[in-house]
Amino acid sequence: AISGVYAIPSTAKSLRVRIFTTST
């Protein structure tokens, strides 16, 4: 499992989720 908690700014109108290898 991988998970993270994030505080979304009040000005946000669009969101993008990304997941990637931390390095090459």
mmCIF file of all heavy atoms, coordinates in Angstrom:
data_MODEL
# 
_entry.id   MODEL 
# 
loop_
_atom_site.group_PDB 
_atom_site.id 
_atom_site.type_symbol 
_atom_site.label_atom_id 
_atom_site.label_alt_id 
_atom_site.label_comp_id 
_atom_site.label_asym_id 
_atom_site.label_entity_id 
_atom_site.label_seq_id 
_atom_site.pdbx_PDB_ins_code 
_atom_site.Cartn_x 
_atom_site.Cartn_y 
_atom_site.Cartn_z 
_atom_site.occupancy 
_atom_site.B_iso_or_equiv 
_atom_site.pdbx_formal_charge 
_atom_site.auth_seq_id 
_atom_site.auth_comp_id 
_atom_site.auth_asym_id 
_atom_site.auth_atom_id 
_atom_site.pdbx_PDB_model_num 
ATOM 1   N N   . ALA A 1 1  ? 0.828   -1.207 0.000   1.00 0.00 ? 1  ALA A N   1 
ATOM 2   C CA  . ALA A 1 1  ? 0.000   0.000  0.000   1.00 0.00 ? 1  ALA A CA  1 
ATOM 3   C C   . ALA A 1 1  ? 0.859   1.252  0.000   1.00 0.00 ? 1  ALA A C   1 
ATOM 4   O O   . ALA A 1 1  ? 1.943   1.288  0.591   1.00 0.00 ? 1  ALA A O   1 
ATOM 5   C CB  . ALA A 1 1  ? -0.922  -0.006 1.214   1.00 0.00 ? 1  ALA A CB  1 
ATOM 6   N N   . ILE A 1 2  ? 0.348   2.278  -0.656  1.00 0.00 ? 2  ILE A N   1 
ATOM 7   C CA  . ILE A 1 2  ? 0.942   3.606  -0.604  1.00 0.00 ? 2  ILE A CA  1 
ATOM 8   C C   . ILE A 1 2  ? -0.198  4.599  -0.410  1.00 0.00 ? 2  ILE A C   1 
ATOM 9   O O   . ILE A 1 2  ? -1.262  4.449  -1.005  1.00 0.00 ? 2  ILE A O   1 
ATOM 10  C CB  . ILE A 1 2  ? 1.747   3.936  -1.885  1.00 0.00 ? 2  ILE A CB  1 
ATOM 11  C CG1 . ILE A 1 2  ? 2.346   5.350  -1.803  1.00 0.00 ? 2  ILE A CG1 1 
ATOM 12  C CG2 . ILE A 1 2  ? 0.916   3.750  -3.141  1.00 0.00 ? 2  ILE A CG2 1 
ATOM 13  C CD1 . ILE A 1 2  ? 3.303   5.675  -2.944  1.00 0.00 ? 2  ILE A CD1 1 
ATOM 14  N N   . SER A 1 3  ? -0.014  5.584  0.462   1.00 0.00 ? 3  SER A N   1 
ATOM 15  C CA  . SER A 1 3  ? -1.058  6.589  0.674   1.00 0.00 ? 3  SER A CA  1 
ATOM 16  C C   . SER A 1 3  ? -0.429  7.865  1.194   1.00 0.00 ? 3  SER A C   1 
ATOM 17  O O   . SER A 1 3  ? 0.650   7.847  1.802   1.00 0.00 ? 3  SER A O   1 
ATOM 18  C CB  . SER A 1 3  ? -2.132  6.098  1.651   1.00 0.00 ? 3  SER A CB  1 
ATOM 19  O OG  . SER A 1 3  ? -1.604  5.942  2.954   1.00 0.00 ? 3  SER A OG  1 
ATOM 20  N N   . GLY A 1 4  ? -1.101  8.972  0.941   1.00 0.00 ? 4  GLY A N   1 
ATOM 21  C CA  . GLY A 1 4  ? -0.650  10.264 1.428   1.00 0.00 ? 4  GLY A CA  1 
ATOM 22  C C   . GLY A 1 4  ? -1.839  11.160 1.718   1.00 0.00 ? 4  GLY A C   1 
ATOM 23  O O   . GLY A 1 4  ? -2.914  11.003 1.127   1.00 0.00 ? 4  GLY A O   1 
ATOM 24  N N   . VAL A 1 5  ? -1.655  12.097 2.647   1.00 0.00 ? 5  VAL A N   1 
ATOM 25  C CA  . VAL A 1 5  ? -2.708  13.039 3.051   1.00 0.00 ? 5  VAL A CA  1 
ATOM 26  C C   . VAL A 1 5  ? -2.299  14.426 2.574   1.00 0.00 ? 5  VAL A C   1 
ATOM 27  O O   . VAL A 1 5  ? -1.152  14.843 2.755   1.00 0.00 ? 5  VAL A O   1 
ATOM 28  C CB  . VAL A 1 5  ? -2.909  13.018 4.583   1.00 0.00 ? 5  VAL A CB  1 
ATOM 29  C CG1 . VAL A 1 5  ? -3.986  14.016 5.001   1.00 0.00 ? 5  VAL A CG1 1 
ATOM 30  C CG2 . VAL A 1 5  ? -3.269  11.603 5.043   1.00 0.00 ? 5  VAL A CG2 1 
ATOM 31  N N   . TYR A 1 6  ? -3.263  15.163 2.001   1.00 0.00 ? 6  TYR A N   1 
ATOM 32  C CA  . TYR A 1 6  ? -2.954  16.442 1.377   1.00 0.00 ? 6  TYR A CA  1 
ATOM 33  C C   . TYR A 1 6  ? -4.032  17.473 1.717   1.00 0.00 ? 6  TYR A C   1 
ATOM 34  O O   . TYR A 1 6  ? -5.231  17.154 1.720   1.00 0.00 ? 6  TYR A O   1 
ATOM 35  C CB  . TYR A 1 6  ? -2.875  16.293 -0.153  1.00 0.00 ? 6  TYR A CB  1 
ATOM 36  C CG  . TYR A 1 6  ? -1.933  15.193 -0.570  1.00 0.00 ? 6  TYR A CG  1 
ATOM 37  C CD1 . TYR A 1 6  ? -2.381  13.865 -0.646  1.00 0.00 ? 6  TYR A CD1 1 
ATOM 38  C CD2 . TYR A 1 6  ? -0.605  15.449 -0.848  1.00 0.00 ? 6  TYR A CD2 1 
ATOM 39  C CE1 . TYR A 1 6  ? -1.519  12.839 -1.003  1.00 0.00 ? 6  TYR A CE1 1 
ATOM 40  C CE2 . TYR A 1 6  ? 0.275   14.428 -1.200  1.00 0.00 ? 6  TYR A CE2 1 
ATOM 41  C CZ  . TYR A 1 6  ? -0.193  13.125 -1.271  1.00 0.00 ? 6  TYR A CZ  1 
ATOM 42  O OH  . TYR A 1 6  ? 0.669   12.110 -1.613  1.00 0.00 ? 6  TYR A OH  1 
ATOM 43  N N   . ALA A 1 7  ? -3.602  18.700 1.989   1.00 0.00 ? 7  ALA A N   1 
ATOM 44  C CA  . ALA A 1 7  ? -4.520  19.811 2.255   1.00 0.00 ? 7  ALA A CA  1 
ATOM 45  C C   . ALA A 1 7  ? -4.712  20.589 0.955   1.00 0.00 ? 7  ALA A C   1 
ATOM 46  O O   . ALA A 1 7  ? -3.766  21.191 0.438   1.00 0.00 ? 7  ALA A O   1 
ATOM 47  C CB  . ALA A 1 7  ? -3.962  20.716 3.345   1.00 0.00 ? 7  ALA A CB  1 
ATOM 48  N N   . ILE A 1 8  ? -5.932  20.561 0.420   1.00 0.00 ? 8  ILE A N   1 
ATOM 49  C CA  . ILE A 1 8  ? -6.214  21.215 -0.853  1.00 0.00 ? 8  ILE A CA  1 
ATOM 50  C C   . ILE A 1 8  ? -6.461  22.706 -0.623  1.00 0.00 ? 8  ILE A C   1 
ATOM 51  O O   . ILE A 1 8  ? -7.285  23.065 0.229   1.00 0.00 ? 8  ILE A O   1 
ATOM 52  C CB  . ILE A 1 8  ? -7.436  20.579 -1.535  1.00 0.00 ? 8  ILE A CB  1 
ATOM 53  C CG1 . ILE A 1 8  ? -7.270  19.053 -1.638  1.00 0.00 ? 8  ILE A CG1 1 
ATOM 54  C CG2 . ILE A 1 8  ? -7.666  21.198 -2.907  1.00 0.00 ? 8  ILE A CG2 1 
ATOM 55  C CD1 . ILE A 1 8  ? -6.075  18.607 -2.432  1.00 0.00 ? 8  ILE A CD1 1 
ATOM 56  N N   . PRO A 1 9  ? -5.786  23.591 -1.349  1.00 0.00 ? 9  PRO A N   1 
ATOM 57  C CA  . PRO A 1 9  ? -6.019  25.030 -1.173  1.00 0.00 ? 9  PRO A CA  1 
ATOM 58  C C   . PRO A 1 9  ? -7.464  25.411 -1.515  1.00 0.00 ? 9  PRO A C   1 
ATOM 59  O O   . PRO A 1 9  ? -8.103  24.782 -2.368  1.00 0.00 ? 9  PRO A O   1 
ATOM 60  C CB  . PRO A 1 9  ? -5.035  25.670 -2.158  1.00 0.00 ? 9  PRO A CB  1 
ATOM 61  C CG  . PRO A 1 9  ? -3.995  24.633 -2.400  1.00 0.00 ? 9  PRO A CG  1 
ATOM 62  C CD  . PRO A 1 9  ? -4.696  23.321 -2.308  1.00 0.00 ? 9  PRO A CD  1 
ATOM 63  N N   . SER A 1 10 ? -7.951  26.443 -0.878  1.00 0.00 ? 10 SER A N   1 
ATOM 64  C CA  . SER A 1 10 ? -9.319  26.890 -1.121  1.00 0.00 ? 10 SER A CA  1 
ATOM 65  C C   . SER A 1 10 ? -9.500  27.456 -2.522  1.00 0.00 ? 10 SER A C   1 
ATOM 66  O O   . SER A 1 10 ? -10.630 27.573 -3.018  1.00 0.00 ? 10 SER A O   1 
ATOM 67  C CB  . SER A 1 10 ? -9.717  27.942 -0.084  1.00 0.00 ? 10 SER A CB  1 
ATOM 68  O OG  . SER A 1 10 ? -8.847  29.063 -0.149  1.00 0.00 ? 10 SER A OG  1 
ATOM 69  N N   . THR A 1 11 ? -8.397  27.803 -3.187  1.00 0.00 ? 11 THR A N   1 
ATOM 70  C CA  . THR A 1 11 ? -8.465  28.379 -4.529  1.00 0.00 ? 11 THR A CA  1 
ATOM 71  C C   . THR A 1 11 ? -8.470  27.309 -5.633  1.00 0.00 ? 11 THR A C   1 
ATOM 72  O O   . THR A 1 11 ? -8.585  27.643 -6.812  1.00 0.00 ? 11 THR A O   1 
ATOM 73  C CB  . THR A 1 11 ? -7.275  29.312 -4.762  1.00 0.00 ? 11 THR A CB  1 
ATOM 74  O OG1 . THR A 1 11 ? -6.058  28.581 -4.522  1.00 0.00 ? 11 THR A OG1 1 
ATOM 75  C CG2 . THR A 1 11 ? -7.337  30.519 -3.828  1.00 0.00 ? 11 THR A CG2 1 
ATOM 76  N N   . ALA A 1 12 ? -8.328  26.056 -5.266  1.00 0.00 ? 12 ALA A N   1 
ATOM 77  C CA  . ALA A 1 12 ? -8.224  24.986 -6.265  1.00 0.00 ? 12 ALA A CA  1 
ATOM 78  C C   . ALA A 1 12 ? -9.535  24.804 -7.022  1.00 0.00 ? 12 ALA A C   1 
ATOM 79  O O   . ALA A 1 12 ? -10.599 24.686 -6.417  1.00 0.00 ? 12 ALA A O   1 
ATOM 80  C CB  . ALA A 1 12 ? -7.824  23.687 -5.590  1.00 0.00 ? 12 ALA A CB  1 
ATOM 81  N N   . LYS A 1 13 ? -9.449  24.754 -8.348  1.00 0.00 ? 13 LYS A N   1 
ATOM 82  C CA  . LYS A 1 13 ? -10.609 24.468 -9.191  1.00 0.00 ? 13 LYS A CA  1 
ATOM 83  C C   . LYS A 1 13 ? -10.446 23.162 -9.963  1.00 0.00 ? 13 LYS A C   1 
ATOM 84  O O   . LYS A 1 13 ? -11.429 22.555 -10.359 1.00 0.00 ? 13 LYS A O   1 
ATOM 85  C CB  . LYS A 1 13 ? -10.858 25.620 -10.163 1.00 0.00 ? 13 LYS A CB  1 
ATOM 86  C CG  . LYS A 1 13 ? -11.324 26.895 -9.492  1.00 0.00 ? 13 LYS A CG  1 
ATOM 87  C CD  . LYS A 1 13 ? -11.632 27.966 -10.521 1.00 0.00 ? 13 LYS A CD  1 
ATOM 88  C CE  . LYS A 1 13 ? -12.113 29.251 -9.843  1.00 0.00 ? 13 LYS A CE  1 
ATOM 89  N NZ  . LYS A 1 13 ? -12.372 30.326 -10.845 1.00 0.00 ? 13 LYS A NZ  1 
ATOM 90  N N   . SER A 1 14 ? -9.207  22.774 -10.207 1.00 0.00 ? 14 SER A N   1 
ATOM 91  C CA  . SER A 1 14 ? -8.906  21.505 -10.868 1.00 0.00 ? 14 SER A CA  1 
ATOM 92  C C   . SER A 1 14 ? -7.850  20.778 -10.052 1.00 0.00 ? 14 SER A C   1 
ATOM 93  O O   . SER A 1 14 ? -7.014  21.415 -9.401  1.00 0.00 ? 14 SER A O   1 
ATOM 94  C CB  . SER A 1 14 ? -8.383  21.735 -12.287 1.00 0.00 ? 14 SER A CB  1 
ATOM 95  O OG  . SER A 1 14 ? -9.322  22.392 -13.091 1.00 0.00 ? 14 SER A OG  1 
ATOM 96  N N   . LEU A 1 15 ? -7.888  19.447 -10.099 1.00 0.00 ? 15 LEU A N   1 
ATOM 97  C CA  . LEU A 1 15 ? -6.905  18.635 -9.385  1.00 0.00 ? 15 LEU A CA  1 
ATOM 98  C C   . LEU A 1 15 ? -6.282  17.622 -10.333 1.00 0.00 ? 15 LEU A C   1 
ATOM 99  O O   . LEU A 1 15 ? -6.928  17.166 -11.289 1.00 0.00 ? 15 LEU A O   1 
ATOM 100 C CB  . LEU A 1 15 ? -7.553  17.897 -8.210  1.00 0.00 ? 15 LEU A CB  1 
ATOM 101 C CG  . LEU A 1 15 ? -8.140  18.750 -7.077  1.00 0.00 ? 15 LEU A CG  1 
ATOM 102 C CD1 . LEU A 1 15 ? -8.825  17.858 -6.060  1.00 0.00 ? 15 LEU A CD1 1 
ATOM 103 C CD2 . LEU A 1 15 ? -7.055  19.597 -6.412  1.00 0.00 ? 15 LEU A CD2 1 
ATOM 104 N N   . ARG A 1 16 ? -5.043  17.266 -10.054 1.00 0.00 ? 16 ARG A N   1 
ATOM 105 C CA  . ARG A 1 16 ? -4.387  16.190 -10.788 1.00 0.00 ? 16 ARG A CA  1 
ATOM 106 C C   . ARG A 1 16 ? -3.665  15.301 -9.791  1.00 0.00 ? 16 ARG A C   1 
ATOM 107 O O   . ARG A 1 16 ? -2.910  15.779 -8.950  1.00 0.00 ? 16 ARG A O   1 
ATOM 108 C CB  . ARG A 1 16 ? -3.394  16.741 -11.805 1.00 0.00 ? 16 ARG A CB  1 
ATOM 109 C CG  . ARG A 1 16 ? -2.764  15.652 -12.684 1.00 0.00 ? 16 ARG A CG  1 
ATOM 110 C CD  . ARG A 1 16 ? -1.885  16.218 -13.783 1.00 0.00 ? 16 ARG A CD  1 
ATOM 111 N NE  . ARG A 1 16 ? -0.585  16.669 -13.291 1.00 0.00 ? 16 ARG A NE  1 
ATOM 112 C CZ  . ARG A 1 16 ? 0.455   16.957 -14.074 1.00 0.00 ? 16 ARG A CZ  1 
ATOM 113 N NH1 . ARG A 1 16 ? 0.342   16.851 -15.395 1.00 0.00 ? 16 ARG A NH1 1 
ATOM 114 N NH2 . ARG A 1 16 ? 1.591   17.371 -13.549 1.00 0.00 ? 16 ARG A NH2 1 
ATOM 115 N N   . VAL A 1 17 ? -3.920  14.007 -9.888  1.00 0.00 ? 17 VAL A N   1 
ATOM 116 C CA  . VAL A 1 17 ? -3.216  13.016 -9.069  1.00 0.00 ? 17 VAL A CA  1 
ATOM 117 C C   . VAL A 1 17 ? -2.123  12.403 -9.924  1.00 0.00 ? 17 VAL A C   1 
ATOM 118 O O   . VAL A 1 17 ? -2.322  12.111 -11.112 1.00 0.00 ? 17 VAL A O   1 
ATOM 119 C CB  . VAL A 1 17 ? -4.190  11.927 -8.578  1.00 0.00 ? 17 VAL A CB  1 
ATOM 120 C CG1 . VAL A 1 17 ? -3.432  10.762 -7.961  1.00 0.00 ? 17 VAL A CG1 1 
ATOM 121 C CG2 . VAL A 1 17 ? -5.168  12.515 -7.575  1.00 0.00 ? 17 VAL A CG2 1 
ATOM 122 N N   . ARG A 1 18 ? -0.952  12.231 -9.345  1.00 0.00 ? 18 ARG A N   1 
ATOM 123 C CA  . ARG A 1 18 ? 0.107   11.552 -10.075 1.00 0.00 ? 18 ARG A CA  1 
ATOM 124 C C   . ARG A 1 18 ? 0.796   10.553 -9.150  1.00 0.00 ? 18 ARG A C   1 
ATOM 125 O O   . ARG A 1 18 ? 0.884   10.737 -7.935  1.00 0.00 ? 18 ARG A O   1 
ATOM 126 C CB  . ARG A 1 18 ? 1.124   12.538 -10.654 1.00 0.00 ? 18 ARG A CB  1 
ATOM 127 C CG  . ARG A 1 18 ? 1.919   13.330 -9.635  1.00 0.00 ? 18 ARG A CG  1 
ATOM 128 C CD  . ARG A 1 18 ? 2.957   14.222 -10.304 1.00 0.00 ? 18 ARG A CD  1 
ATOM 129 N NE  . ARG A 1 18 ? 3.729   14.960 -9.301  1.00 0.00 ? 18 ARG A NE  1 
ATOM 130 C CZ  . ARG A 1 18 ? 4.820   15.673 -9.575  1.00 0.00 ? 18 ARG A CZ  1 
ATOM 131 N NH1 . ARG A 1 18 ? 5.257   15.741 -10.822 1.00 0.00 ? 18 ARG A NH1 1 
ATOM 132 N NH2 . ARG A 1 18 ? 5.462   16.305 -8.622  1.00 0.00 ? 18 ARG A NH2 1 
ATOM 133 N N   . ILE A 1 19 ? 1.293   9.473  -9.738  1.00 0.00 ? 19 ILE A N   1 
ATOM 134 C CA  . ILE A 1 19 ? 2.060   8.467  -9.014  1.00 0.00 ? 19 ILE A CA  1 
ATOM 135 C C   . ILE A 1 19 ? 3.205   8.040  -9.918  1.00 0.00 ? 19 ILE A C   1 
ATOM 136 O O   . ILE A 1 19 ? 3.011   7.829  -11.123 1.00 0.00 ? 19 ILE A O   1 
ATOM 137 C CB  . ILE A 1 19 ? 1.175   7.273  -8.587  1.00 0.00 ? 19 ILE A CB  1 
ATOM 138 C CG1 . ILE A 1 19 ? 1.998   6.246  -7.800  1.00 0.00 ? 19 ILE A CG1 1 
ATOM 139 C CG2 . ILE A 1 19 ? 0.452   6.643  -9.773  1.00 0.00 ? 19 ILE A CG2 1 
ATOM 140 C CD1 . ILE A 1 19 ? 1.156   5.191  -7.104  1.00 0.00 ? 19 ILE A CD1 1 
ATOM 141 N N   . PHE A 1 20 ? 4.409   7.957  -9.354  1.00 0.00 ? 20 PHE A N   1 
ATOM 142 C CA  . PHE A 1 20 ? 5.584   7.737  -10.182 1.00 0.00 ? 20 PHE A CA  1 
ATOM 143 C C   . PHE A 1 20 ? 6.664   7.050  -9.352  1.00 0.00 ? 20 PHE A C   1 
ATOM 144 O O   . PHE A 1 20 ? 6.604   7.027  -8.114  1.00 0.00 ? 20 PHE A O   1 
ATOM 145 C CB  . PHE A 1 20 ? 6.108   9.068  -10.737 1.00 0.00 ? 20 PHE A CB  1 
ATOM 146 C CG  . PHE A 1 20 ? 6.284   10.146 -9.697  1.00 0.00 ? 20 PHE A CG  1 
ATOM 147 C CD1 . PHE A 1 20 ? 7.522   10.377 -9.108  1.00 0.00 ? 20 PHE A CD1 1 
ATOM 148 C CD2 . PHE A 1 20 ? 5.212   10.935 -9.298  1.00 0.00 ? 20 PHE A CD2 1 
ATOM 149 C CE1 . PHE A 1 20 ? 7.692   11.374 -8.164  1.00 0.00 ? 20 PHE A CE1 1 
ATOM 150 C CE2 . PHE A 1 20 ? 5.364   11.938 -8.347  1.00 0.00 ? 20 PHE A CE2 1 
ATOM 151 C CZ  . PHE A 1 20 ? 6.607   12.159 -7.773  1.00 0.00 ? 20 PHE A CZ  1 
ATOM 152 N N   . THR A 1 21 ? 7.644   6.495  -10.029 1.00 0.00 ? 21 THR A N   1 
ATOM 153 C CA  . THR A 1 21 ? 8.793   5.955  -9.298  1.00 0.00 ? 21 THR A CA  1 
ATOM 154 C C   . THR A 1 21 ? 9.602   7.143  -8.775  1.00 0.00 ? 21 THR A C   1 
ATOM 155 O O   . THR A 1 21 ? 9.805   8.131  -9.480  1.00 0.00 ? 21 THR A O   1 
ATOM 156 C CB  . THR A 1 21 ? 9.664   5.057  -10.185 1.00 0.00 ? 21 THR A CB  1 
ATOM 157 O OG1 . THR A 1 21 ? 10.140  5.794  -11.305 1.00 0.00 ? 21 THR A OG1 1 
ATOM 158 C CG2 . THR A 1 21 ? 8.871   3.841  -10.665 1.00 0.00 ? 21 THR A CG2 1 
ATOM 159 N N   . THR A 1 22 ? 10.044  7.039  -7.552  1.00 0.00 ? 22 THR A N   1 
ATOM 160 C CA  . THR A 1 22 ? 10.713  8.167  -6.902  1.00 0.00 ? 22 THR A CA  1 
ATOM 161 C C   . THR A 1 22 ? 11.980  8.577  -7.640  1.00 0.00 ? 22 THR A C   1 
ATOM 162 O O   . THR A 1 22 ? 12.327  9.761  -7.692  1.00 0.00 ? 22 THR A O   1 
ATOM 163 C CB  . THR A 1 22 ? 11.036  7.804  -5.447  1.00 0.00 ? 22 THR A CB  1 
ATOM 164 O OG1 . THR A 1 22 ? 9.841   7.359  -4.799  1.00 0.00 ? 22 THR A OG1 1 
ATOM 165 C CG2 . THR A 1 22 ? 11.594  8.984  -4.691  1.00 0.00 ? 22 THR A CG2 1 
ATOM 166 N N   . SER A 1 23 ? 12.654  7.621  -8.242  1.00 0.00 ? 23 SER A N   1 
ATOM 167 C CA  . SER A 1 23 ? 13.844  7.897  -9.063  1.00 0.00 ? 23 SER A CA  1 
ATOM 168 C C   . SER A 1 23 ? 13.802  6.989  -10.276 1.00 0.00 ? 23 SER A C   1 
ATOM 169 O O   . SER A 1 23 ? 12.843  6.225  -10.465 1.00 0.00 ? 23 SER A O   1 
ATOM 170 C CB  . SER A 1 23 ? 15.124  7.678  -8.244  1.00 0.00 ? 23 SER A CB  1 
ATOM 171 O OG  . SER A 1 23 ? 15.169  6.352  -7.742  1.00 0.00 ? 23 SER A OG  1 
ATOM 172 N N   . THR A 1 24 ? 14.807  7.050  -11.108 1.00 0.00 ? 24 THR A N   1 
ATOM 173 C CA  . THR A 1 24 ? 14.811  6.213  -12.303 1.00 0.00 ? 24 THR A CA  1 
ATOM 174 C C   . THR A 1 24 ? 14.989  4.740  -11.937 1.00 0.00 ? 24 THR A C   1 
ATOM 175 O O   . THR A 1 24 ? 15.561  4.392  -10.903 1.00 0.00 ? 24 THR A O   1 
ATOM 176 C CB  . THR A 1 24 ? 15.944  6.628  -13.257 1.00 0.00 ? 24 THR A CB  1 
ATOM 177 O OG1 . THR A 1 24 ? 17.191  6.554  -12.555 1.00 0.00 ? 24 THR A OG1 1 
ATOM 178 C CG2 . THR A 1 24 ? 15.727  8.046  -13.771 1.00 0.00 ? 24 THR A CG2 1 
# 
